[in-house]
PDB file of all heavy atoms in Angstrom:
ATOM      1  N   LEU A   1       2.524  -2.357  70.428  1.00  0.00           N
ATOM      2  CA  LEU A   1       1.821  -2.853  71.605  1.00  0.00           C
ATOM      3  C   LEU A   1       2.829  -3.417  72.595  1.00  0.00           C
ATOM      4  O   LEU A   1       3.960  -3.737  72.234  1.00  0.00           O
ATOM      5  CB  LEU A   1       0.815  -3.936  71.205  1.00  0.00           C
ATOM      6  CG  LEU A   1      -0.385  -3.394  70.433  1.00  0.00           C
ATOM      7  CD1 LEU A   1      -0.228  -3.657  68.966  1.00  0.00           C
ATOM      8  CD2 LEU A   1      -1.656  -3.978  70.966  1.00  0.00           C
ATOM      9  N   LEU A   2       2.411  -3.552  73.831  1.00  0.00           N
ATOM     10  CA  LEU A   2       3.253  -4.130  74.862  1.00  0.00           C
ATOM     11  C   LEU A   2       2.875  -5.600  75.031  1.00  0.00           C
ATOM     12  O   LEU A   2       1.742  -5.920  75.386  1.00  0.00           O
ATOM     13  CB  LEU A   2       3.052  -3.391  76.186  1.00  0.00           C
ATOM     14  CG  LEU A   2       3.975  -3.793  77.329  1.00  0.00           C
ATOM     15  CD1 LEU A   2       5.424  -3.430  76.998  1.00  0.00           C
ATOM     16  CD2 LEU A   2       3.535  -3.119  78.620  1.00  0.00           C
ATOM     17  N   ALA A   3       3.807  -6.493  74.728  1.00  0.00           N
ATOM     18  CA  ALA A   3       3.607  -7.929  74.935  1.00  0.00           C
ATOM     19  C   ALA A   3       4.015  -8.233  76.361  1.00  0.00           C
ATOM     20  O   ALA A   3       5.120  -7.872  76.791  1.00  0.00           O
ATOM     21  CB  ALA A   3       4.458  -8.734  73.959  1.00  0.00           C
ATOM     22  N   VAL A   4       3.144  -8.894  77.111  1.00  0.00           N
ATOM     23  CA  VAL A   4       3.407  -9.196  78.510  1.00  0.00           C
ATOM     24  C   VAL A   4       3.258 -10.698  78.725  1.00  0.00           C
ATOM     25  O   VAL A   4       2.214 -11.275  78.444  1.00  0.00           O
ATOM     26  CB  VAL A   4       2.425  -8.441  79.443  1.00  0.00           C
ATOM     27  CG1 VAL A   4       2.706  -8.778  80.904  1.00  0.00           C
ATOM     28  CG2 VAL A   4       2.507  -6.946  79.198  1.00  0.00           C
ATOM     29  N   SER A   5       4.304 -11.314  79.237  1.00  0.00           N
ATOM     30  CA  SER A   5       4.239 -12.734  79.572  1.00  0.00           C
ATOM     31  C   SER A   5       3.319 -12.907  80.775  1.00  0.00           C
ATOM     32  O   SER A   5       3.343 -12.106  81.712  1.00  0.00           O
ATOM     33  CB  SER A   5       5.630 -13.262  79.912  1.00  0.00           C
ATOM     34  OG  SER A   5       5.547 -14.574  80.419  1.00  0.00           O
ATOM     35  N   THR A   6       2.524 -13.948  80.751  1.00  0.00           N
ATOM     36  CA  THR A   6       1.661 -14.236  81.890  1.00  0.00           C
ATOM     37  C   THR A   6       2.403 -15.052  82.939  1.00  0.00           C
ATOM     38  O   THR A   6       1.847 -15.380  83.978  1.00  0.00           O
ATOM     39  CB  THR A   6       0.406 -14.997  81.443  1.00  0.00           C
ATOM     40  OG1 THR A   6       0.815 -16.202  80.800  1.00  0.00           O
ATOM     41  CG2 THR A   6      -0.445 -14.147  80.516  1.00  0.00           C
ATOM     42  N   ARG A   7       3.648 -15.393  82.676  1.00  0.00           N
ATOM     43  CA  ARG A   7       4.485 -16.145  83.616  1.00  0.00           C
ATOM     44  C   ARG A   7       5.272 -15.157  84.472  1.00  0.00           C
ATOM     45  O   ARG A   7       5.644 -14.092  84.014  1.00  0.00           O
ATOM     46  CB  ARG A   7       5.447 -17.076  82.877  1.00  0.00           C
ATOM     47  CG  ARG A   7       4.769 -17.976  81.856  1.00  0.00           C
ATOM     48  CD  ARG A   7       3.738 -18.866  82.525  1.00  0.00           C
ATOM     49  NE  ARG A   7       3.002 -19.637  81.536  1.00  0.00           N
ATOM     50  CZ  ARG A   7       1.694 -19.727  81.491  1.00  0.00           C
ATOM     51  NH1 ARG A   7       0.945 -19.090  82.351  1.00  0.00           N
ATOM     52  NH2 ARG A   7       1.094 -20.461  80.580  1.00  0.00           N
ATOM     53  N   CYS A   8       5.560 -15.522  85.687  1.00  0.00           N
ATOM     54  CA  CYS A   8       6.202 -14.604  86.634  1.00  0.00           C
ATOM     55  C   CYS A   8       7.718 -14.496  86.477  1.00  0.00           C
ATOM     56  O   CYS A   8       8.306 -13.516  86.878  1.00  0.00           O
ATOM     57  CB  CYS A   8       5.886 -15.031  88.067  1.00  0.00           C
ATOM     58  SG  CYS A   8       4.150 -14.844  88.465  1.00  0.00           S
ATOM     59  N   GLU A   9       8.331 -15.508  85.917  1.00  0.00           N
ATOM     60  CA  GLU A   9       9.786 -15.521  85.897  1.00  0.00           C
ATOM     61  C   GLU A   9      10.378 -14.545  84.885  1.00  0.00           C
ATOM     62  O   GLU A   9       9.766 -14.199  83.897  1.00  0.00           O
ATOM     63  CB  GLU A   9      10.312 -16.930  85.605  1.00  0.00           C
ATOM     64  CG  GLU A   9       9.962 -17.450  84.226  1.00  0.00           C
ATOM     65  CD  GLU A   9       8.612 -18.153  84.127  1.00  0.00           C
ATOM     66  OE1 GLU A   9       7.893 -18.269  85.114  1.00  0.00           O
ATOM     67  OE2 GLU A   9       8.280 -18.563  83.012  1.00  0.00           O
ATOM     68  N   GLU A  10      11.575 -14.097  85.202  1.00  0.00           N
ATOM     69  CA  GLU A  10      12.383 -13.323  84.264  1.00  0.00           C
ATOM     70  C   GLU A  10      13.539 -14.211  83.884  1.00  0.00           C
ATOM     71  O   GLU A  10      13.775 -15.248  84.507  1.00  0.00           O
ATOM     72  CB  GLU A  10      12.861 -12.025  84.902  1.00  0.00           C
ATOM     73  CG  GLU A  10      11.713 -11.067  85.176  1.00  0.00           C
ATOM     74  CD  GLU A  10      12.170  -9.750  85.754  1.00  0.00           C
ATOM     75  OE1 GLU A  10      13.328  -9.650  86.203  1.00  0.00           O
ATOM     76  OE2 GLU A  10      11.360  -8.817  85.767  1.00  0.00           O
ATOM     77  N   LEU A  11      14.286 -13.844  82.873  1.00  0.00           N
ATOM     78  CA  LEU A  11      15.361 -14.690  82.384  1.00  0.00           C
ATOM     79  C   LEU A  11      16.647 -13.905  82.296  1.00  0.00           C
ATOM     80  O   LEU A  11      16.672 -12.792  81.780  1.00  0.00           O
ATOM     81  CB  LEU A  11      14.988 -15.242  80.999  1.00  0.00           C
ATOM     82  CG  LEU A  11      15.972 -16.191  80.360  1.00  0.00           C
ATOM     83  CD1 LEU A  11      15.961 -17.526  81.105  1.00  0.00           C
ATOM     84  CD2 LEU A  11      15.618 -16.414  78.904  1.00  0.00           C
ATOM     85  N   ASP A  12      17.709 -14.480  82.826  1.00  0.00           N
ATOM     86  CA  ASP A  12      19.021 -13.890  82.644  1.00  0.00           C
ATOM     87  C   ASP A  12      19.652 -14.532  81.432  1.00  0.00           C
ATOM     88  O   ASP A  12      19.752 -15.749  81.331  1.00  0.00           O
ATOM     89  CB  ASP A  12      19.921 -14.160  83.869  1.00  0.00           C
ATOM     90  CG  ASP A  12      19.504 -13.323  85.057  1.00  0.00           C
ATOM     91  OD1 ASP A  12      19.167 -12.157  84.850  1.00  0.00           O
ATOM     92  OD2 ASP A  12      19.519 -13.842  86.182  1.00  0.00           O
ATOM     93  N   ASP A  13      20.059 -13.711  80.491  1.00  0.00           N
ATOM     94  CA  ASP A  13      20.731 -14.208  79.302  1.00  0.00           C
ATOM     95  C   ASP A  13      22.220 -14.252  79.627  1.00  0.00           C
ATOM     96  O   ASP A  13      22.922 -13.262  79.523  1.00  0.00           O
ATOM     97  CB  ASP A  13      20.449 -13.283  78.115  1.00  0.00           C
ATOM     98  CG  ASP A  13      21.200 -13.689  76.872  1.00  0.00           C
ATOM     99  OD1 ASP A  13      21.492 -14.897  76.736  1.00  0.00           O
ATOM    100  OD2 ASP A  13      21.510 -12.811  76.062  1.00  0.00           O
ATOM    101  N   GLU A  14      22.699 -15.418  80.029  1.00  0.00           N
ATOM    102  CA  GLU A  14      24.086 -15.560  80.488  1.00  0.00           C
ATOM    103  C   GLU A  14      25.044 -15.941  79.378  1.00  0.00           C
ATOM    104  O   GLU A  14      26.242 -16.031  79.591  1.00  0.00           O
ATOM    105  CB  GLU A  14      24.146 -16.587  81.611  1.00  0.00           C
ATOM    106  CG  GLU A  14      23.339 -16.146  82.813  1.00  0.00           C
ATOM    107  CD  GLU A  14      23.313 -17.174  83.924  1.00  0.00           C
ATOM    108  OE1 GLU A  14      24.054 -18.174  83.826  1.00  0.00           O
ATOM    109  OE2 GLU A  14      22.561 -16.978  84.877  1.00  0.00           O
ATOM    110  N   ASP A  15      24.546 -16.157  78.174  1.00  0.00           N
ATOM    111  CA  ASP A  15      25.413 -16.571  77.080  1.00  0.00           C
ATOM    112  C   ASP A  15      26.378 -15.482  76.642  1.00  0.00           C
ATOM    113  O   ASP A  15      27.372 -15.760  75.991  1.00  0.00           O
ATOM    114  CB  ASP A  15      24.580 -17.011  75.868  1.00  0.00           C
ATOM    115  CG  ASP A  15      23.762 -18.247  76.171  1.00  0.00           C
ATOM    116  OD1 ASP A  15      24.173 -19.019  77.061  1.00  0.00           O
ATOM    117  OD2 ASP A  15      22.720 -18.430  75.518  1.00  0.00           O
ATOM    118  N   ASP A  16      26.082 -14.231  76.965  1.00  0.00           N
ATOM    119  CA  ASP A  16      26.905 -13.128  76.493  1.00  0.00           C
ATOM    120  C   ASP A  16      27.964 -12.680  77.498  1.00  0.00           C
ATOM    121  O   ASP A  16      28.597 -11.655  77.301  1.00  0.00           O
ATOM    122  CB  ASP A  16      26.026 -11.933  76.128  1.00  0.00           C
ATOM    123  CG  ASP A  16      25.182 -12.211  74.904  1.00  0.00           C
ATOM    124  OD1 ASP A  16      25.590 -13.052  74.093  1.00  0.00           O
ATOM    125  OD2 ASP A  16      24.121 -11.587  74.768  1.00  0.00           O
ATOM    126  N   GLY A  17      28.164 -13.407  78.577  1.00  0.00           N
ATOM    127  CA  GLY A  17      29.202 -13.058  79.548  1.00  0.00           C
ATOM    128  C   GLY A  17      28.994 -11.676  80.117  1.00  0.00           C
ATOM    129  O   GLY A  17      27.999 -11.394  80.766  1.00  0.00           O
ATOM    130  N   ASP A  18      29.960 -10.777  79.872  1.00  0.00           N
ATOM    131  CA  ASP A  18      29.885  -9.423  80.416  1.00  0.00           C
ATOM    132  C   ASP A  18      28.717  -8.625  79.854  1.00  0.00           C
ATOM    133  O   ASP A  18      28.306  -7.631  80.432  1.00  0.00           O
ATOM    134  CB  ASP A  18      31.184  -8.659  80.124  1.00  0.00           C
ATOM    135  CG  ASP A  18      32.351  -9.224  80.909  1.00  0.00           C
ATOM    136  OD1 ASP A  18      32.118  -9.842  81.974  1.00  0.00           O
ATOM    137  OD2 ASP A  18      33.497  -9.055  80.458  1.00  0.00           O
ATOM    138  N   ASN A  19      28.191  -9.045  78.726  1.00  0.00           N
ATOM    139  CA  ASN A  19      27.080  -8.327  78.111  1.00  0.00           C
ATOM    140  C   ASN A  19      25.731  -8.926  78.490  1.00  0.00           C
ATOM    141  O   ASN A  19      24.726  -8.624  77.865  1.00  0.00           O
ATOM    142  CB  ASN A  19      27.215  -8.332  76.586  1.00  0.00           C
ATOM    143  CG  ASN A  19      28.444  -7.573  76.140  1.00  0.00           C
ATOM    144  OD1 ASN A  19      28.816  -6.583  76.736  1.00  0.00           O
ATOM    145  ND2 ASN A  19      29.080  -8.053  75.092  1.00  0.00           N
ATOM    146  N   ALA A  20      25.726  -9.784  79.506  1.00  0.00           N
ATOM    147  CA  ALA A  20      24.483 -10.445  79.908  1.00  0.00           C
ATOM    148  C   ALA A  20      23.444  -9.396  80.298  1.00  0.00           C
ATOM    149  O   ALA A  20      23.769  -8.366  80.882  1.00  0.00           O
ATOM    150  CB  ALA A  20      24.724 -11.400  81.069  1.00  0.00           C
ATOM    151  N   GLU A  21      22.223  -9.673  79.954  1.00  0.00           N
ATOM    152  CA  GLU A  21      21.145  -8.756  80.299  1.00  0.00           C
ATOM    153  C   GLU A  21      19.985  -9.553  80.872  1.00  0.00           C
ATOM    154  O   GLU A  21      19.831 -10.732  80.603  1.00  0.00           O
ATOM    155  CB  GLU A  21      20.686  -7.979  79.065  1.00  0.00           C
ATOM    156  CG  GLU A  21      20.174  -8.870  77.955  1.00  0.00           C
ATOM    157  CD  GLU A  21      19.884  -8.097  76.689  1.00  0.00           C
ATOM    158  OE1 GLU A  21      19.041  -7.190  76.751  1.00  0.00           O
ATOM    159  OE2 GLU A  21      20.486  -8.407  75.666  1.00  0.00           O
ATOM    160  N   GLU A  22      19.210  -8.908  81.682  1.00  0.00           N
ATOM    161  CA  GLU A  22      18.026  -9.559  82.217  1.00  0.00           C
ATOM    162  C   GLU A  22      16.859  -9.231  81.299  1.00  0.00           C
ATOM    163  O   GLU A  22      16.589  -8.076  80.996  1.00  0.00           O
ATOM    164  CB  GLU A  22      17.739  -9.046  83.627  1.00  0.00           C
ATOM    165  CG  GLU A  22      16.599  -9.787  84.283  1.00  0.00           C
ATOM    166  CD  GLU A  22      16.419  -9.374  85.721  1.00  0.00           C
ATOM    167  OE1 GLU A  22      17.250  -9.751  86.557  1.00  0.00           O
ATOM    168  OE2 GLU A  22      15.435  -8.670  85.987  1.00  0.00           O
ATOM    169  N   LEU A  23      16.219 -10.279  80.818  1.00  0.00           N
ATOM    170  CA  LEU A  23      15.059 -10.088  79.956  1.00  0.00           C
ATOM    171  C   LEU A  23      13.826 -10.065  80.831  1.00  0.00           C
ATOM    172  O   LEU A  23      13.558 -11.012  81.562  1.00  0.00           O
ATOM    173  CB  LEU A  23      14.970 -11.225  78.934  1.00  0.00           C
ATOM    174  CG  LEU A  23      16.156 -11.341  77.986  1.00  0.00           C
ATOM    175  CD1 LEU A  23      16.019 -12.575  77.118  1.00  0.00           C
ATOM    176  CD2 LEU A  23      16.300 -10.093  77.133  1.00  0.00           C
ATOM    177  N   GLY A  24      13.101  -8.988  80.771  1.00  0.00           N
ATOM    178  CA  GLY A  24      11.913  -8.850  81.598  1.00  0.00           C
ATOM    179  C   GLY A  24      10.725  -9.592  81.020  1.00  0.00           C
ATOM    180  O   GLY A  24      10.835 -10.319  80.037  1.00  0.00           O
ATOM    181  N   ARG A  25       9.597  -9.383  81.619  1.00  0.00           N
ATOM    182  CA  ARG A  25       8.364 -10.068  81.216  1.00  0.00           C
ATOM    183  C   ARG A  25       7.613  -9.308  80.145  1.00  0.00           C
ATOM    184  O   ARG A  25       6.475  -9.634  79.834  1.00  0.00           O
ATOM    185  CB  ARG A  25       7.453 -10.216  82.436  1.00  0.00           C
ATOM    186  CG  ARG A  25       7.971 -11.167  83.468  1.00  0.00           C
ATOM    187  CD  ARG A  25       7.008 -11.323  84.629  1.00  0.00           C
ATOM    188  NE  ARG A  25       5.643 -11.513  84.180  1.00  0.00           N
ATOM    189  CZ  ARG A  25       4.594 -10.897  84.728  1.00  0.00           C
ATOM    190  NH1 ARG A  25       4.754 -10.047  85.707  1.00  0.00           N
ATOM    191  NH2 ARG A  25       3.378 -11.134  84.293  1.00  0.00           N
ATOM    192  N   GLU A  26       8.215  -8.273  79.570  1.00  0.00           N
ATOM    193  CA  GLU A  26       7.501  -7.500  78.568  1.00  0.00           C
ATOM    194  C   GLU A  26       8.449  -6.907  77.540  1.00  0.00           C
ATOM    195  O   GLU A  26       9.636  -6.717  77.805  1.00  0.00           O
ATOM    196  CB  GLU A  26       6.678  -6.395  79.231  1.00  0.00           C
ATOM    197  CG  GLU A  26       7.491  -5.470  80.087  1.00  0.00           C
ATOM    198  CD  GLU A  26       6.643  -4.588  80.976  1.00  0.00           C
ATOM    199  OE1 GLU A  26       5.826  -5.096  81.755  1.00  0.00           O
ATOM    200  OE2 GLU A  26       6.819  -3.354  80.874  1.00  0.00           O
ATOM    201  N   PHE A  27       7.905  -6.661  76.367  1.00  0.00           N
ATOM    202  CA  PHE A  27       8.618  -5.964  75.301  1.00  0.00           C
ATOM    203  C   PHE A  27       7.569  -5.394  74.355  1.00  0.00           C
ATOM    204  O   PHE A  27       6.403  -5.770  74.411  1.00  0.00           O
ATOM    205  CB  PHE A  27       9.589  -6.903  74.554  1.00  0.00           C
ATOM    206  CG  PHE A  27       8.911  -8.026  73.817  1.00  0.00           C
ATOM    207  CD1 PHE A  27       8.498  -7.874  72.497  1.00  0.00           C
ATOM    208  CD2 PHE A  27       8.677  -9.240  74.441  1.00  0.00           C
ATOM    209  CE1 PHE A  27       7.863  -8.915  71.829  1.00  0.00           C
ATOM    210  CE2 PHE A  27       8.056 -10.281  73.778  1.00  0.00           C
ATOM    211  CZ  PHE A  27       7.638 -10.115  72.467  1.00  0.00           C
ATOM    212  N   ARG A  28       7.981  -4.487  73.507  1.00  0.00           N
ATOM    213  CA  ARG A  28       7.060  -3.884  72.548  1.00  0.00           C
ATOM    214  C   ARG A  28       7.211  -4.594  71.206  1.00  0.00           C
ATOM    215  O   ARG A  28       8.276  -5.113  70.882  1.00  0.00           O
ATOM    216  CB  ARG A  28       7.338  -2.395  72.403  1.00  0.00           C
ATOM    217  CG  ARG A  28       7.166  -1.662  73.749  1.00  0.00           C
ATOM    218  CD  ARG A  28       6.915  -0.206  73.580  1.00  0.00           C
ATOM    219  NE  ARG A  28       5.545   0.053  73.180  1.00  0.00           N
ATOM    220  CZ  ARG A  28       4.491   0.043  74.004  1.00  0.00           C
ATOM    221  NH1 ARG A  28       4.632  -0.227  75.274  1.00  0.00           N
ATOM    222  NH2 ARG A  28       3.285   0.300  73.553  1.00  0.00           N
ATOM    223  N   LEU A  29       6.134  -4.582  70.426  1.00  0.00           N
ATOM    224  CA  LEU A  29       6.174  -5.145  69.084  1.00  0.00           C
ATOM    225  C   LEU A  29       5.161  -4.434  68.209  1.00  0.00           C
ATOM    226  O   LEU A  29       4.182  -3.871  68.700  1.00  0.00           O
ATOM    227  CB  LEU A  29       5.917  -6.652  69.093  1.00  0.00           C
ATOM    228  CG  LEU A  29       4.494  -7.160  69.281  1.00  0.00           C
ATOM    229  CD1 LEU A  29       4.440  -8.640  68.931  1.00  0.00           C
ATOM    230  CD2 LEU A  29       4.009  -6.959  70.691  1.00  0.00           C
ATOM    231  N   LEU A  30       5.417  -4.474  66.904  1.00  0.00           N
ATOM    232  CA  LEU A  30       4.516  -3.861  65.953  1.00  0.00           C
ATOM    233  C   LEU A  30       3.214  -4.669  65.883  1.00  0.00           C
ATOM    234  O   LEU A  30       3.230  -5.888  66.076  1.00  0.00           O
ATOM    235  CB  LEU A  30       5.165  -3.795  64.574  1.00  0.00           C
ATOM    236  CG  LEU A  30       6.404  -2.923  64.465  1.00  0.00           C
ATOM    237  CD1 LEU A  30       6.950  -2.970  63.044  1.00  0.00           C
ATOM    238  CD2 LEU A  30       6.110  -1.486  64.877  1.00  0.00           C
ATOM    239  N   PRO A  31       2.108  -4.010  65.581  1.00  0.00           N
ATOM    240  CA  PRO A  31       0.837  -4.731  65.477  1.00  0.00           C
ATOM    241  C   PRO A  31       0.886  -5.901  64.493  1.00  0.00           C
ATOM    242  O   PRO A  31       0.250  -6.930  64.703  1.00  0.00           O
ATOM    243  CB  PRO A  31      -0.149  -3.653  65.012  1.00  0.00           C
ATOM    244  CG  PRO A  31       0.443  -2.374  65.484  1.00  0.00           C
ATOM    245  CD  PRO A  31       1.932  -2.572  65.387  1.00  0.00           C
ATOM    246  N   SER A  32       1.660  -5.776  63.426  1.00  0.00           N
ATOM    247  CA  SER A  32       1.747  -6.837  62.419  1.00  0.00           C
ATOM    248  C   SER A  32       2.392  -8.116  62.958  1.00  0.00           C
ATOM    249  O   SER A  32       2.288  -9.170  62.334  1.00  0.00           O
ATOM    250  CB  SER A  32       2.521  -6.349  61.197  1.00  0.00           C
ATOM    251  OG  SER A  32       3.848  -5.987  61.565  1.00  0.00           O
ATOM    252  N   LEU A  33       3.034  -8.041  64.120  1.00  0.00           N
ATOM    253  CA  LEU A  33       3.697  -9.205  64.697  1.00  0.00           C
ATOM    254  C   LEU A  33       2.920  -9.840  65.853  1.00  0.00           C
ATOM    255  O   LEU A  33       3.340 -10.857  66.399  1.00  0.00           O
ATOM    256  CB  LEU A  33       5.103  -8.821  65.169  1.00  0.00           C
ATOM    257  CG  LEU A  33       6.036  -8.347  64.059  1.00  0.00           C
ATOM    258  CD1 LEU A  33       7.342  -7.848  64.633  1.00  0.00           C
ATOM    259  CD2 LEU A  33       6.264  -9.449  63.051  1.00  0.00           C
ATOM    260  N   VAL A  34       1.802  -9.268  66.218  1.00  0.00           N
ATOM    261  CA  VAL A  34       1.013  -9.782  67.340  1.00  0.00           C
ATOM    262  C   VAL A  34       0.574 -11.223  67.094  1.00  0.00           C
ATOM    263  O   VAL A  34       0.763 -12.100  67.931  1.00  0.00           O
ATOM    264  CB  VAL A  34      -0.199  -8.870  67.629  1.00  0.00           C
ATOM    265  CG1 VAL A  34      -1.221  -9.556  68.515  1.00  0.00           C
ATOM    266  CG2 VAL A  34       0.277  -7.572  68.272  1.00  0.00           C
ATOM    267  N   HIS A  35      -0.002 -11.492  65.940  1.00  0.00           N
ATOM    268  CA  HIS A  35      -0.540 -12.827  65.670  1.00  0.00           C
ATOM    269  C   HIS A  35       0.564 -13.873  65.537  1.00  0.00           C
ATOM    270  O   HIS A  35       0.454 -14.964  66.093  1.00  0.00           O
ATOM    271  CB  HIS A  35      -1.434 -12.803  64.431  1.00  0.00           C
ATOM    272  CG  HIS A  35      -2.591 -11.884  64.610  1.00  0.00           C
ATOM    273  ND1 HIS A  35      -3.668 -12.192  65.408  1.00  0.00           N
ATOM    274  CD2 HIS A  35      -2.819 -10.632  64.144  1.00  0.00           C
ATOM    275  CE1 HIS A  35      -4.505 -11.180  65.414  1.00  0.00           C
ATOM    276  NE2 HIS A  35      -4.017 -10.221  64.666  1.00  0.00           N
ATOM    277  N   LEU A  36       1.620 -13.525  64.829  1.00  0.00           N
ATOM    278  CA  LEU A  36       2.756 -14.439  64.693  1.00  0.00           C
ATOM    279  C   LEU A  36       3.320 -14.804  66.063  1.00  0.00           C
ATOM    280  O   LEU A  36       3.563 -15.974  66.361  1.00  0.00           O
ATOM    281  CB  LEU A  36       3.846 -13.795  63.831  1.00  0.00           C
ATOM    282  CG  LEU A  36       5.159 -14.557  63.750  1.00  0.00           C
ATOM    283  CD1 LEU A  36       4.998 -15.762  62.833  1.00  0.00           C
ATOM    284  CD2 LEU A  36       6.257 -13.643  63.252  1.00  0.00           C
ATOM    285  N   THR A  37       3.500 -13.814  66.907  1.00  0.00           N
ATOM    286  CA  THR A  37       4.029 -14.044  68.248  1.00  0.00           C
ATOM    287  C   THR A  37       3.071 -14.914  69.056  1.00  0.00           C
ATOM    288  O   THR A  37       3.478 -15.918  69.652  1.00  0.00           O
ATOM    289  CB  THR A  37       4.266 -12.697  68.966  1.00  0.00           C
ATOM    290  OG1 THR A  37       5.157 -11.906  68.176  1.00  0.00           O
ATOM    291  CG2 THR A  37       4.852 -12.912  70.347  1.00  0.00           C
ATOM    292  N   HIS A  38       1.800 -14.558  69.066  1.00  0.00           N
ATOM    293  CA  HIS A  38       0.809 -15.301  69.842  1.00  0.00           C
ATOM    294  C   HIS A  38       0.737 -16.768  69.407  1.00  0.00           C
ATOM    295  O   HIS A  38       0.776 -17.671  70.246  1.00  0.00           O
ATOM    296  CB  HIS A  38      -0.567 -14.657  69.721  1.00  0.00           C
ATOM    297  CG  HIS A  38      -1.647 -15.519  70.270  1.00  0.00           C
ATOM    298  ND1 HIS A  38      -1.825 -15.699  71.628  1.00  0.00           N
ATOM    299  CD2 HIS A  38      -2.560 -16.299  69.662  1.00  0.00           C
ATOM    300  CE1 HIS A  38      -2.819 -16.544  71.817  1.00  0.00           C
ATOM    301  NE2 HIS A  38      -3.282 -16.924  70.640  1.00  0.00           N
ATOM    302  N   VAL A  39       0.614 -17.010  68.115  1.00  0.00           N
ATOM    303  CA  VAL A  39       0.462 -18.384  67.628  1.00  0.00           C
ATOM    304  C   VAL A  39       1.708 -19.209  67.932  1.00  0.00           C
ATOM    305  O   VAL A  39       1.607 -20.356  68.379  1.00  0.00           O
ATOM    306  CB  VAL A  39       0.113 -18.406  66.125  1.00  0.00           C
ATOM    307  CG1 VAL A  39       0.211 -19.815  65.557  1.00  0.00           C
ATOM    308  CG2 VAL A  39      -1.285 -17.844  65.904  1.00  0.00           C
ATOM    309  N   ASN A  40       2.890 -18.651  67.715  1.00  0.00           N
ATOM    310  CA  ASN A  40       4.116 -19.393  68.007  1.00  0.00           C
ATOM    311  C   ASN A  40       4.239 -19.739  69.477  1.00  0.00           C
ATOM    312  O   ASN A  40       4.734 -20.807  69.832  1.00  0.00           O
ATOM    313  CB  ASN A  40       5.346 -18.632  67.516  1.00  0.00           C
ATOM    314  CG  ASN A  40       5.606 -18.866  66.056  1.00  0.00           C
ATOM    315  OD1 ASN A  40       6.084 -19.916  65.664  1.00  0.00           O
ATOM    316  ND2 ASN A  40       5.249 -17.895  65.234  1.00  0.00           N
ATOM    317  N   LEU A  41       3.775 -18.866  70.354  1.00  0.00           N
ATOM    318  CA  LEU A  41       3.786 -19.170  71.783  1.00  0.00           C
ATOM    319  C   LEU A  41       2.716 -20.200  72.124  1.00  0.00           C
ATOM    320  O   LEU A  41       2.960 -21.128  72.901  1.00  0.00           O
ATOM    321  CB  LEU A  41       3.574 -17.901  72.600  1.00  0.00           C
ATOM    322  CG  LEU A  41       4.707 -16.881  72.538  1.00  0.00           C
ATOM    323  CD1 LEU A  41       4.308 -15.590  73.229  1.00  0.00           C
ATOM    324  CD2 LEU A  41       5.976 -17.436  73.138  1.00  0.00           C
ATOM    325  N   ALA A  42       1.538 -20.069  71.530  1.00  0.00           N
ATOM    326  CA  ALA A  42       0.423 -20.971  71.838  1.00  0.00           C
ATOM    327  C   ALA A  42       0.725 -22.413  71.434  1.00  0.00           C
ATOM    328  O   ALA A  42       0.331 -23.346  72.138  1.00  0.00           O
ATOM    329  CB  ALA A  42      -0.852 -20.490  71.157  1.00  0.00           C
ATOM    330  N   ILE A  43       1.435 -22.601  70.324  1.00  0.00           N
ATOM    331  CA  ILE A  43       1.729 -23.965  69.869  1.00  0.00           C
ATOM    332  C   ILE A  43       3.068 -24.471  70.397  1.00  0.00           C
ATOM    333  O   ILE A  43       3.453 -25.599  70.111  1.00  0.00           O
ATOM    334  CB  ILE A  43       1.670 -24.088  68.330  1.00  0.00           C
ATOM    335  CG1 ILE A  43       2.763 -23.242  67.670  1.00  0.00           C
ATOM    336  CG2 ILE A  43       0.284 -23.752  67.817  1.00  0.00           C
ATOM    337  CD1 ILE A  43       2.867 -23.432  66.164  1.00  0.00           C
ATOM    338  N   GLY A  44       3.765 -23.635  71.147  1.00  0.00           N
ATOM    339  CA  GLY A  44       5.035 -24.049  71.729  1.00  0.00           C
ATOM    340  C   GLY A  44       6.193 -24.065  70.746  1.00  0.00           C
ATOM    341  O   GLY A  44       7.248 -24.633  71.019  1.00  0.00           O
TER     342      GLY A  44
END
């Protein structure tokens, strides 16, 4: 499934220097990880 953040911001991962990448507002995950991801985000 496609996990989509409801927040507008994107994040630059600057810790990797030359390998820095921009993390977008979405990524894919297996169905078995939907609940784990949701609950961890919901409880902060």
